[in-house]
Amino acid sequence: MPDSNIFAPGENANAGRRPTETAIRKRSVSLGGHRTSVSLEQAFWEELSRIARSRNQSTNALVAEIDRHRGTLAGEGAANLSSAVRLFVLGELRRAAGFDNSPSIPATADERPQ
């Protein structure tokens, strides 16, 4: 019977990638006055931070918004906050690339046009 492993012995799916791109990073955020942690790959943290800056928000404030809109943002696919953040980032990237024109989470007062 052939080996079901698609990688040769000693190889893995992350071969050739920098460890910082795929390693999970856990960061603390404050949601409604309660501290919690979110675990994401570094690439997601970097993109989330870029999105927050473009919306004139802190990363923590954006994560809090994602948490508040978790049910409407990702339907039932985001059972946990880390998944909701990944789906939010993916949605923002899809919108930026022109693949999706569905609305993002509502703009905060700071980023609404005057």
Protein backbone atom coordinates (compact mmCIF):
# COMPACT_ATOMS: atom_id res chain seq x y z
CA MET A 1 0.00 0.00 0.00
CA PRO A 2 1.49 3.38 -0.95
CA ASP A 3 2.36 5.86 1.76
CA SER A 4 -0.51 8.37 2.14
CA ASN A 5 1.93 11.09 3.22
CA ILE A 6 2.44 13.45 0.28
CA PHE A 7 5.73 14.69 1.75
CA ALA A 8 8.95 12.76 1.61
CA PRO A 9 10.39 11.68 4.97
CA GLY A 10 11.80 14.73 6.72
CA GLU A 11 9.81 17.20 4.58
CA ASN A 12 6.82 19.21 5.73
CA ALA A 13 4.22 21.63 4.41
CA ASN A 14 6.13 24.63 5.78
CA ALA A 15 9.40 23.83 4.06
CA GLY A 16 10.90 26.94 2.50
CA ARG A 17 8.79 29.37 4.53
CA ARG A 18 10.19 31.64 7.16
CA PRO A 19 9.11 30.43 10.63
CA THR A 20 7.78 33.91 11.43
CA GLU A 21 5.20 33.66 8.62
CA THR A 22 3.56 30.46 9.84
CA ALA A 23 4.11 30.55 13.58
CA ILE A 24 1.04 31.27 15.67
CA ARG A 25 1.34 34.42 17.79
CA LYS A 26 -0.91 34.90 20.79
CA ARG A 27 -1.74 38.47 21.78
CA SER A 28 -3.94 39.88 24.52
CA VAL A 29 -6.83 42.18 23.68
CA SER A 30 -9.43 43.91 25.81
CA LEU A 31 -13.07 43.29 24.90
CA GLY A 32 -15.63 45.12 26.98
CA GLY A 33 -13.16 45.54 29.81
CA HIS A 34 -12.23 41.84 29.83
CA ARG A 35 -8.84 40.59 28.70
CA THR A 36 -8.73 37.69 26.28
CA SER A 37 -6.16 36.31 23.90
CA VAL A 38 -6.28 35.87 20.15
CA SER A 39 -3.99 33.44 18.33
CA LEU A 40 -3.12 34.26 14.72
CA GLU A 41 -0.28 33.76 12.28
CA GLN A 42 2.07 36.73 12.05
CA ALA A 43 0.87 37.54 8.52
CA PHE A 44 -2.70 37.97 9.84
CA TRP A 45 -1.51 40.21 12.70
CA GLU A 46 0.38 42.39 10.21
CA GLU A 47 -2.59 42.69 7.84
CA LEU A 48 -5.02 43.31 10.71
CA SER A 49 -2.78 46.12 11.95
CA ARG A 50 -2.62 47.64 8.44
CA ILE A 51 -6.41 47.51 8.13
CA ALA A 52 -6.83 49.11 11.56
CA ARG A 53 -4.47 51.97 10.61
CA SER A 54 -6.39 52.55 7.38
CA ARG A 55 -9.59 52.83 9.45
CA ASN A 56 -7.97 55.18 12.00
CA GLN A 57 -8.37 52.57 14.74
CA SER A 58 -6.13 50.68 17.07
CA THR A 59 -5.80 46.97 16.42
CA ASN A 60 -7.53 46.32 19.75
CA ALA A 61 -10.51 48.54 18.74
CA LEU A 62 -10.82 46.71 15.42
CA VAL A 63 -10.72 43.30 17.12
CA ALA A 64 -13.45 44.52 19.49
CA GLU A 65 -15.59 45.53 16.48
CA ILE A 66 -14.98 42.19 14.82
CA ASP A 67 -16.07 40.50 18.03
CA ARG A 68 -19.27 42.59 18.22
CA HIS A 69 -20.13 41.76 14.59
CA ARG A 70 -18.92 38.17 14.68
CA GLY A 71 -22.32 36.62 13.90
CA THR A 72 -23.14 38.88 10.97
CA LEU A 73 -19.57 39.05 9.72
CA ALA A 74 -18.98 35.38 9.15
CA GLY A 75 -22.30 33.70 9.66
CA GLU A 76 -21.94 30.55 11.64
CA GLY A 77 -18.43 29.91 10.34
CA ALA A 78 -16.70 31.93 13.06
CA ALA A 79 -17.29 30.09 16.30
CA ASN A 80 -14.22 31.65 17.89
CA LEU A 81 -12.63 35.08 17.76
CA SER A 82 -9.44 33.97 16.01
CA SER A 83 -11.50 32.49 13.17
CA ALA A 84 -13.63 35.64 12.96
CA VAL A 85 -10.49 37.79 12.67
CA ARG A 86 -9.05 35.58 9.92
CA LEU A 87 -12.35 35.70 7.99
CA PHE A 88 -12.52 39.48 8.42
CA VAL A 89 -8.97 39.92 7.08
CA LEU A 90 -9.72 37.58 4.17
CA GLY A 91 -12.88 39.53 3.38
CA GLU A 92 -11.04 42.85 3.42
CA LEU A 93 -8.36 41.48 1.09
CA ARG A 94 -11.02 40.06 -1.26
CA ARG A 95 -12.80 43.43 -1.33
CA ALA A 96 -9.53 45.25 -2.03
CA ALA A 97 -8.81 42.85 -4.90
CA GLY A 98 -12.28 43.37 -6.37
CA PHE A 99 -13.47 39.81 -5.73
CA ASP A 100 -16.15 40.74 -3.22
CA ASN A 101 -18.30 43.81 -2.88
CA SER A 102 -20.23 42.81 0.23
CA PRO A 103 -20.08 45.33 3.08
CA SER A 104 -17.48 45.11 5.78
CA ILE A 105 -18.22 45.86 9.40
CA PRO A 106 -19.64 49.37 9.82
CA ALA A 107 -17.27 52.30 9.94
CA THR A 108 -16.60 53.87 13.30
CA ALA A 109 -17.44 57.50 13.97
CA ASP A 110 -13.76 58.42 13.44
CA GLU A 111 -13.70 57.13 9.88
CA ARG A 112 -17.13 58.25 8.62
CA PRO A 113 -17.05 61.14 6.16
CA GLN A 114 -17.86 64.49 7.75
